[in-house]
Structures are given as structure tokens and as C-alpha cells.
């Protein structure tokens, strides 16, 4: 596929729009950009396989992915959305598969680079907690609806 060159400035702009990084100042954001890399995934590729252990967080710059659990599509994510944040925290098995439904470009951050970022930035840790709590609530209400 075409190789999209994403400058550090563009990455900085994209990251600053992510709710997770909302409370960060310019220096923090630049630090994240410096430890991140740009990743390209071809359409149809399984980016993450459910059950595998994970070590990375990816923020979608362009394209779309589908999130699948036990073969069922549970969500679709596009530019500005991210995945892999749980793996960043505990490096546990992936809770879902992520499949590229188009060519996808992401900014990737490895857990060993992410951990020190969060430890030194309480605002970012809080934003992550809020995000994960919302996901938990959404999943619980989806389960309750399925049981009803």
C-alpha cells in the first residue's frame, strides 16, 4: 500500500486530540511522540489476536478496524480511536481481536515506554482510569441487555 509519512508535528496534533491525553502539556505530548512509531496495517490484517499477550497501544490516524470477541464484531474504531490500552497496564492477554477493515495507519507506543509516562503524570493516569471505567460500564450494560 502507499506509504503515508506522518511527521512528528502531525503526530503531536493527532495525539493532542485524544481524550486520554487531554490533560497533558506540550512537553508531555512531545515525549509521547518521541517514544511512538508510525505503523501501517493492510486491509484484512488481524492486528491483534484475542488471547495473545499484548505489549502495545495504538491510536488510529486513518482507516478503520473492527473489534471482535469470540468471532462477533462488538465495535468499529476509526481515526482518533485507540486500542491496546489494557495491555499497556498489565500486559495480560488481549480481550479482543482487532481486524483492519481498510488500510490503517496508527501511532504505536510500547508498554515499557508508556508506563513511565503514566507514572509521572497523574492527569494522564486519571484520564486512563475514566476511559477504562466507561468501557467497563458500557460492557456491563451490554451484558445486562443481552440477559434481559
N, C-alpha and C. Protein backbone atom coordinates (compact mmCIF):
# COMPACT_ATOMS: atom_id res chain seq x y z
N UNK A 1 0.83 -1.21 0.00
CA UNK A 1 0.00 0.00 0.00
C UNK A 1 0.85 1.24 0.00
N UNK A 2 0.24 2.39 -0.14
CA UNK A 2 1.00 3.64 -0.17
C UNK A 2 1.59 3.89 1.21
N UNK A 3 2.76 4.44 1.22
CA UNK A 3 3.41 4.70 2.49
C UNK A 3 3.11 6.14 2.90
N UNK A 4 2.36 6.28 3.96
CA UNK A 4 2.00 7.60 4.45
C UNK A 4 3.08 8.07 5.42
N UNK A 5 3.68 9.18 5.11
CA UNK A 5 4.69 9.71 6.02
C UNK A 5 3.99 10.63 7.02
N UNK A 6 4.12 10.32 8.27
CA UNK A 6 3.48 11.12 9.30
C UNK A 6 4.56 11.84 10.09
N UNK A 7 4.58 13.15 9.96
CA UNK A 7 5.61 13.92 10.65
C UNK A 7 5.34 13.95 12.15
N UNK A 8 6.37 14.30 12.92
CA UNK A 8 6.20 14.41 14.37
C UNK A 8 5.16 15.46 14.72
N UNK A 9 5.13 16.53 13.92
CA UNK A 9 4.17 17.60 14.16
C UNK A 9 2.73 17.08 13.99
N UNK A 10 2.52 16.28 12.94
CA UNK A 10 1.19 15.71 12.70
C UNK A 10 0.81 14.76 13.83
N UNK A 11 1.79 13.94 14.26
CA UNK A 11 1.52 13.00 15.35
C UNK A 11 1.14 13.76 16.62
N UNK A 12 1.85 14.87 16.86
CA UNK A 12 1.60 15.71 18.03
C UNK A 12 0.16 16.23 17.99
N UNK A 13 -0.25 16.71 16.81
CA UNK A 13 -1.61 17.24 16.64
C UNK A 13 -2.66 16.17 16.91
N UNK A 14 -2.44 14.98 16.32
CA UNK A 14 -3.39 13.88 16.48
C UNK A 14 -3.48 13.45 17.94
N UNK A 15 -2.34 13.29 18.57
CA UNK A 15 -2.32 12.83 19.96
C UNK A 15 -2.99 13.83 20.89
N UNK A 16 -2.83 15.11 20.59
CA UNK A 16 -3.40 16.14 21.46
C UNK A 16 -4.93 16.13 21.41
N UNK A 17 -5.50 15.51 20.35
CA UNK A 17 -6.96 15.45 20.23
C UNK A 17 -7.56 14.25 20.95
N UNK A 18 -6.70 13.33 21.39
CA UNK A 18 -7.19 12.12 22.05
C UNK A 18 -7.57 12.44 23.49
N UNK A 19 -8.78 12.02 23.88
CA UNK A 19 -9.27 12.32 25.23
C UNK A 19 -8.28 11.87 26.30
N UNK A 20 -7.65 10.74 26.05
CA UNK A 20 -6.71 10.17 27.00
C UNK A 20 -5.57 11.14 27.33
N UNK A 21 -5.17 11.92 26.33
CA UNK A 21 -4.01 12.80 26.50
C UNK A 21 -4.41 14.26 26.70
N UNK A 22 -5.73 14.48 26.91
CA UNK A 22 -6.26 15.84 27.01
C UNK A 22 -5.55 16.72 28.04
N UNK A 23 -5.27 16.14 29.21
CA UNK A 23 -4.71 16.94 30.29
C UNK A 23 -3.22 17.19 30.19
N UNK A 24 -2.60 16.74 29.11
CA UNK A 24 -1.14 16.84 29.01
C UNK A 24 -0.68 18.15 28.41
N UNK A 25 0.48 18.61 28.86
CA UNK A 25 1.06 19.82 28.28
C UNK A 25 1.91 19.46 27.07
N UNK A 26 2.41 20.45 26.38
CA UNK A 26 3.20 20.25 25.18
C UNK A 26 4.42 19.37 25.38
N UNK A 27 5.09 19.55 26.51
CA UNK A 27 6.30 18.77 26.79
C UNK A 27 5.96 17.29 26.92
N UNK A 28 4.86 16.99 27.62
CA UNK A 28 4.42 15.60 27.79
C UNK A 28 4.09 14.98 26.43
N UNK A 29 3.33 15.73 25.63
CA UNK A 29 2.94 15.24 24.32
C UNK A 29 4.16 14.99 23.43
N UNK A 30 5.12 15.89 23.48
CA UNK A 30 6.33 15.70 22.67
C UNK A 30 7.06 14.45 23.11
N UNK A 31 7.04 14.19 24.42
CA UNK A 31 7.69 12.99 24.94
C UNK A 31 7.02 11.74 24.39
N UNK A 32 5.70 11.75 24.35
CA UNK A 32 4.95 10.61 23.81
C UNK A 32 5.29 10.40 22.33
N UNK A 33 5.32 11.50 21.58
CA UNK A 33 5.65 11.41 20.16
C UNK A 33 7.04 10.81 19.97
N UNK A 34 7.97 11.20 20.83
CA UNK A 34 9.34 10.70 20.71
C UNK A 34 9.47 9.20 20.97
N UNK A 35 8.58 8.63 21.80
CA UNK A 35 8.66 7.18 22.06
C UNK A 35 7.70 6.38 21.16
N UNK A 36 6.95 7.09 20.31
CA UNK A 36 5.97 6.40 19.47
C UNK A 36 6.54 6.14 18.08
N UNK A 37 5.89 5.22 17.38
CA UNK A 37 6.26 4.95 15.99
C UNK A 37 5.02 4.90 15.14
N UNK A 38 5.16 5.11 13.84
CA UNK A 38 4.02 5.03 12.94
C UNK A 38 3.95 3.61 12.37
N UNK A 39 2.77 3.01 12.43
CA UNK A 39 2.58 1.63 11.99
C UNK A 39 1.53 1.57 10.89
N UNK A 40 1.82 0.79 9.84
CA UNK A 40 0.85 0.61 8.74
C UNK A 40 0.32 -0.82 8.77
N UNK A 41 -0.99 -0.96 8.63
CA UNK A 41 -1.61 -2.28 8.56
C UNK A 41 -2.43 -2.36 7.27
N UNK A 42 -2.25 -3.46 6.53
CA UNK A 42 -3.01 -3.66 5.29
C UNK A 42 -4.45 -4.05 5.61
N UNK A 43 -5.38 -3.70 4.74
CA UNK A 43 -6.77 -4.11 4.89
C UNK A 43 -6.84 -5.63 5.01
N UNK A 44 -7.66 -6.10 5.94
CA UNK A 44 -7.85 -7.53 6.13
C UNK A 44 -6.92 -8.16 7.16
N UNK A 45 -5.89 -7.43 7.56
CA UNK A 45 -4.92 -7.97 8.51
C UNK A 45 -5.48 -8.00 9.94
N UNK A 46 -5.20 -9.10 10.65
CA UNK A 46 -5.54 -9.15 12.07
C UNK A 46 -4.39 -8.50 12.82
N UNK A 47 -4.65 -7.33 13.39
CA UNK A 47 -3.62 -6.55 14.07
C UNK A 47 -3.35 -7.14 15.44
N UNK A 48 -4.42 -7.51 16.12
CA UNK A 48 -4.32 -8.12 17.44
C UNK A 48 -5.20 -9.36 17.46
N UNK A 49 -4.68 -10.43 18.03
CA UNK A 49 -5.45 -11.66 18.12
C UNK A 49 -5.88 -11.86 19.56
N UNK A 50 -7.19 -12.05 19.73
CA UNK A 50 -7.76 -12.27 21.06
C UNK A 50 -6.99 -13.40 21.77
N UNK A 51 -6.63 -13.17 23.03
CA UNK A 51 -5.94 -14.21 23.79
C UNK A 51 -4.42 -14.11 23.76
N UNK A 52 -3.88 -13.45 22.73
CA UNK A 52 -2.43 -13.23 22.69
C UNK A 52 -2.03 -12.25 23.77
N UNK A 53 -0.76 -12.30 24.18
CA UNK A 53 -0.35 -11.29 25.15
C UNK A 53 0.01 -10.03 24.37
N UNK A 54 -0.24 -8.88 24.97
CA UNK A 54 -0.06 -7.64 24.25
C UNK A 54 0.93 -6.71 24.92
N UNK A 55 1.67 -5.98 24.13
CA UNK A 55 2.61 -5.03 24.71
C UNK A 55 2.49 -3.64 24.10
N UNK A 56 1.41 -3.38 23.38
CA UNK A 56 1.35 -2.08 22.72
C UNK A 56 -0.01 -1.43 22.66
N UNK A 57 0.06 -0.12 22.57
CA UNK A 57 -1.12 0.74 22.46
C UNK A 57 -1.06 1.34 21.07
N UNK A 58 -2.19 1.40 20.37
CA UNK A 58 -2.19 2.04 19.06
C UNK A 58 -3.35 3.02 18.92
N UNK A 59 -3.02 4.19 18.40
CA UNK A 59 -4.00 5.23 18.12
C UNK A 59 -4.18 5.30 16.61
N UNK A 60 -5.43 5.21 16.15
CA UNK A 60 -5.68 5.22 14.71
C UNK A 60 -5.60 6.63 14.14
N UNK A 61 -4.74 6.80 13.14
CA UNK A 61 -4.62 8.07 12.43
C UNK A 61 -5.57 8.10 11.25
N UNK A 62 -5.60 6.98 10.50
CA UNK A 62 -6.58 6.88 9.42
C UNK A 62 -6.90 5.44 9.13
N UNK A 63 -8.12 5.22 8.58
CA UNK A 63 -8.59 3.88 8.31
C UNK A 63 -9.56 3.42 9.39
N UNK A 64 -10.00 2.17 9.27
CA UNK A 64 -10.99 1.64 10.20
C UNK A 64 -10.65 0.21 10.60
N UNK A 65 -10.92 -0.13 11.84
CA UNK A 65 -10.74 -1.50 12.30
C UNK A 65 -12.03 -1.98 12.93
N UNK A 66 -12.14 -3.31 13.00
CA UNK A 66 -13.29 -3.86 13.70
C UNK A 66 -12.77 -4.63 14.90
N UNK A 67 -13.52 -4.51 16.01
CA UNK A 67 -13.17 -5.18 17.25
C UNK A 67 -14.06 -6.40 17.37
N UNK A 68 -13.45 -7.58 17.51
CA UNK A 68 -14.23 -8.81 17.57
C UNK A 68 -13.92 -9.60 18.83
N UNK A 69 -14.99 -10.13 19.45
CA UNK A 69 -14.84 -11.03 20.60
C UNK A 69 -15.49 -12.35 20.24
N UNK A 70 -14.74 -13.43 20.38
CA UNK A 70 -15.24 -14.77 20.04
C UNK A 70 -15.89 -14.76 18.65
N UNK A 71 -15.25 -14.04 17.72
CA UNK A 71 -15.72 -14.03 16.34
C UNK A 71 -16.83 -13.03 16.04
N UNK A 72 -17.41 -12.41 17.08
CA UNK A 72 -18.50 -11.44 16.85
C UNK A 72 -17.98 -10.01 16.88
N UNK A 73 -18.39 -9.22 15.91
CA UNK A 73 -17.98 -7.81 15.88
C UNK A 73 -18.70 -7.06 17.01
N UNK A 74 -17.93 -6.45 17.89
CA UNK A 74 -18.54 -5.72 19.01
C UNK A 74 -18.39 -4.21 18.86
N UNK A 75 -17.46 -3.77 17.99
CA UNK A 75 -17.28 -2.33 17.79
C UNK A 75 -16.48 -2.08 16.53
N UNK A 76 -16.58 -0.85 16.05
CA UNK A 76 -15.73 -0.40 14.95
C UNK A 76 -15.03 0.86 15.41
N UNK A 77 -13.75 0.97 15.09
CA UNK A 77 -12.96 2.12 15.52
C UNK A 77 -12.36 2.79 14.30
N UNK A 78 -12.25 4.13 14.37
CA UNK A 78 -11.64 4.86 13.26
C UNK A 78 -10.75 5.98 13.81
N UNK A 79 -10.35 6.90 12.94
CA UNK A 79 -9.39 7.95 13.32
C UNK A 79 -9.72 8.59 14.67
N UNK A 80 -8.74 8.67 15.54
CA UNK A 80 -8.92 9.26 16.86
C UNK A 80 -9.20 8.23 17.93
N UNK A 81 -9.65 7.03 17.52
CA UNK A 81 -9.90 5.96 18.49
C UNK A 81 -8.59 5.22 18.75
N UNK A 82 -8.56 4.48 19.86
CA UNK A 82 -7.35 3.73 20.18
C UNK A 82 -7.70 2.39 20.76
N UNK A 83 -6.72 1.50 20.78
CA UNK A 83 -6.90 0.16 21.33
C UNK A 83 -5.59 -0.30 21.95
N UNK A 84 -5.67 -1.32 22.80
CA UNK A 84 -4.47 -1.86 23.42
C UNK A 84 -4.09 -1.20 24.73
N UNK A 85 -4.97 -0.30 25.24
CA UNK A 85 -4.61 0.41 26.47
C UNK A 85 -4.58 -0.51 27.69
N UNK A 86 -5.41 -1.58 27.69
CA UNK A 86 -5.39 -2.50 28.83
C UNK A 86 -4.08 -3.29 28.86
N UNK A 87 -3.63 -3.70 27.68
CA UNK A 87 -2.37 -4.44 27.59
C UNK A 87 -1.20 -3.59 28.08
N UNK A 88 -1.33 -2.29 27.93
CA UNK A 88 -0.26 -1.40 28.39
C UNK A 88 -0.11 -1.47 29.89
N UNK A 89 -1.22 -1.70 30.57
CA UNK A 89 -1.20 -1.65 32.02
C UNK A 89 -0.75 -2.97 32.63
N UNK A 90 -1.33 -4.07 32.15
CA UNK A 90 -0.99 -5.34 32.80
C UNK A 90 -0.32 -6.37 31.90
N UNK A 91 -0.16 -6.05 30.61
CA UNK A 91 0.42 -6.99 29.66
C UNK A 91 -0.27 -8.35 29.65
N UNK A 92 -1.54 -8.34 30.07
CA UNK A 92 -2.32 -9.58 30.10
C UNK A 92 -2.78 -9.94 28.70
N UNK A 93 -3.49 -11.06 28.56
CA UNK A 93 -3.96 -11.48 27.23
C UNK A 93 -4.95 -10.47 26.65
N UNK A 94 -4.91 -10.33 25.33
CA UNK A 94 -5.81 -9.42 24.64
C UNK A 94 -7.26 -9.86 24.83
N UNK A 95 -8.12 -8.89 25.13
CA UNK A 95 -9.52 -9.21 25.40
C UNK A 95 -10.35 -9.26 24.12
N UNK A 96 -9.76 -8.85 22.98
CA UNK A 96 -10.49 -8.86 21.73
C UNK A 96 -9.51 -8.92 20.57
N UNK A 97 -10.03 -9.29 19.40
CA UNK A 97 -9.22 -9.22 18.19
C UNK A 97 -9.50 -7.88 17.52
N UNK A 98 -8.48 -7.35 16.85
CA UNK A 98 -8.63 -6.10 16.10
C UNK A 98 -8.27 -6.42 14.66
N UNK A 99 -9.22 -6.21 13.75
CA UNK A 99 -9.01 -6.53 12.34
C UNK A 99 -9.14 -5.26 11.49
N UNK A 100 -8.15 -5.03 10.64
CA UNK A 100 -8.19 -3.85 9.76
C UNK A 100 -9.25 -4.07 8.69
N UNK A 101 -10.24 -3.17 8.60
CA UNK A 101 -11.27 -3.29 7.56
C UNK A 101 -10.92 -2.42 6.35
N UNK A 102 -9.85 -1.63 6.50
CA UNK A 102 -9.31 -0.87 5.37
C UNK A 102 -7.81 -0.76 5.65
N UNK A 103 -7.06 -0.11 4.78
CA UNK A 103 -5.67 0.16 5.13
C UNK A 103 -5.69 1.10 6.33
N UNK A 104 -4.87 0.80 7.32
CA UNK A 104 -4.89 1.55 8.56
C UNK A 104 -3.50 2.08 8.89
N UNK A 105 -3.44 3.32 9.35
CA UNK A 105 -2.19 3.89 9.84
C UNK A 105 -2.40 4.25 11.31
N UNK A 106 -1.49 3.80 12.16
CA UNK A 106 -1.62 4.09 13.58
C UNK A 106 -0.32 4.66 14.16
N UNK A 107 -0.45 5.27 15.33
CA UNK A 107 0.72 5.64 16.12
C UNK A 107 0.79 4.60 17.22
N UNK A 108 1.91 3.90 17.30
CA UNK A 108 2.06 2.84 18.29
C UNK A 108 3.01 3.23 19.41
N UNK A 109 2.66 2.80 20.64
CA UNK A 109 3.53 3.04 21.80
C UNK A 109 3.67 1.72 22.55
N UNK A 110 4.89 1.33 22.84
CA UNK A 110 5.13 0.08 23.58
C UNK A 110 4.92 0.30 25.07
N UNK A 111 4.49 -0.75 25.77
CA UNK A 111 4.15 -0.61 27.20
C UNK A 111 5.33 -0.12 28.03
N UNK A 112 6.54 -0.58 27.70
CA UNK A 112 7.69 -0.15 28.51
C UNK A 112 7.99 1.33 28.34
N UNK A 113 7.50 1.94 27.25
CA UNK A 113 7.64 3.39 27.08
C UNK A 113 6.48 4.13 27.72
N UNK A 114 5.32 3.46 27.74
CA UNK A 114 4.10 4.08 28.24
C UNK A 114 4.07 4.16 29.76
N UNK A 115 4.54 3.09 30.42
CA UNK A 115 4.48 3.03 31.89
C UNK A 115 5.08 4.24 32.59
N UNK A 116 6.35 4.57 32.27
CA UNK A 116 6.93 5.75 32.94
C UNK A 116 6.17 7.04 32.66
N UNK A 117 5.57 7.14 31.45
CA UNK A 117 4.79 8.33 31.11
C UNK A 117 3.66 8.51 32.11
N UNK A 118 2.91 7.42 32.32
CA UNK A 118 1.73 7.49 33.19
C UNK A 118 2.12 7.69 34.64
N UNK A 119 3.18 6.99 35.06
CA UNK A 119 3.61 7.10 36.46
C UNK A 119 3.97 8.52 36.84
N UNK A 120 4.52 9.27 35.89
CA UNK A 120 4.96 10.63 36.18
C UNK A 120 3.90 11.69 35.90
N UNK A 121 2.74 11.25 35.40
CA UNK A 121 1.71 12.22 35.02
C UNK A 121 0.34 11.82 35.57
N UNK A 122 0.00 12.29 36.78
CA UNK A 122 -1.26 11.91 37.42
C UNK A 122 -2.48 12.24 36.56
N UNK A 123 -2.45 13.33 35.81
CA UNK A 123 -3.58 13.71 34.96
C UNK A 123 -3.86 12.66 33.90
N UNK A 124 -2.79 12.11 33.36
CA UNK A 124 -2.92 11.09 32.33
C UNK A 124 -3.43 9.78 32.95
N UNK A 125 -2.92 9.45 34.12
CA UNK A 125 -3.37 8.24 34.81
C UNK A 125 -4.87 8.34 35.08
N UNK A 126 -5.30 9.52 35.50
CA UNK A 126 -6.73 9.73 35.79
C UNK A 126 -7.57 9.58 34.53
N UNK A 127 -7.12 10.17 33.42
CA UNK A 127 -7.86 10.08 32.15
C UNK A 127 -8.00 8.61 31.72
N UNK A 128 -6.95 7.84 31.95
CA UNK A 128 -6.98 6.43 31.60
C UNK A 128 -7.99 5.68 32.47
N UNK A 129 -8.02 6.01 33.76
CA UNK A 129 -9.00 5.40 34.67
C UNK A 129 -10.42 5.72 34.23
N UNK A 130 -10.67 6.96 33.87
CA UNK A 130 -12.00 7.38 33.43
C UNK A 130 -12.40 6.60 32.18
N UNK A 131 -11.48 6.50 31.24
CA UNK A 131 -11.74 5.78 29.99
C UNK A 131 -12.05 4.31 30.25
N UNK A 132 -11.23 3.66 31.07
CA UNK A 132 -11.43 2.24 31.35
C UNK A 132 -12.73 1.99 32.11
N UNK A 133 -13.07 2.90 33.01
CA UNK A 133 -14.31 2.78 33.77
C UNK A 133 -15.51 2.88 32.84
N UNK A 134 -15.45 3.82 31.90
CA UNK A 134 -16.53 3.96 30.93
C UNK A 134 -16.69 2.69 30.10
N UNK A 135 -15.56 2.12 29.68
CA UNK A 135 -15.61 0.87 28.91
C UNK A 135 -16.24 -0.26 29.71
N UNK A 136 -15.90 -0.31 30.98
CA UNK A 136 -16.45 -1.34 31.86
C UNK A 136 -17.96 -1.17 31.99
N UNK A 137 -18.41 0.08 32.19
CA UNK A 137 -19.85 0.35 32.31
C UNK A 137 -20.58 -0.03 31.02
N UNK A 138 -20.00 0.35 29.87
CA UNK A 138 -20.61 0.02 28.58
C UNK A 138 -20.75 -1.48 28.43
N UNK A 139 -19.69 -2.22 28.81
CA UNK A 139 -19.74 -3.68 28.67
C UNK A 139 -20.74 -4.30 29.62
N UNK A 140 -20.85 -3.75 30.83
CA UNK A 140 -21.82 -4.27 31.78
C UNK A 140 -23.24 -4.04 31.29
N UNK A 141 -23.53 -2.86 30.77
CA UNK A 141 -24.88 -2.59 30.30
C UNK A 141 -25.20 -3.44 29.06
N UNK A 142 -24.17 -3.72 28.23
CA UNK A 142 -24.39 -4.59 27.08
C UNK A 142 -24.70 -6.00 27.53
N UNK A 143 -24.01 -6.47 28.58
CA UNK A 143 -24.29 -7.80 29.13
C UNK A 143 -25.67 -7.86 29.75
N UNK A 144 -26.05 -6.81 30.48
CA UNK A 144 -27.38 -6.77 31.10
C UNK A 144 -28.45 -6.82 30.01
N UNK A 145 -28.25 -6.09 28.92
CA UNK A 145 -29.21 -6.05 27.82
C UNK A 145 -29.33 -7.44 27.18
N UNK A 146 -28.19 -8.13 27.07
CA UNK A 146 -28.18 -9.46 26.45
C UNK A 146 -28.92 -10.48 27.33
N UNK A 147 -28.88 -10.26 28.63
CA UNK A 147 -29.54 -11.18 29.56
C UNK A 147 -31.04 -10.95 29.65
N UNK A 148 -31.46 -9.71 29.37
CA UNK A 148 -32.86 -9.31 29.54
C UNK A 148 -33.78 -10.07 28.57
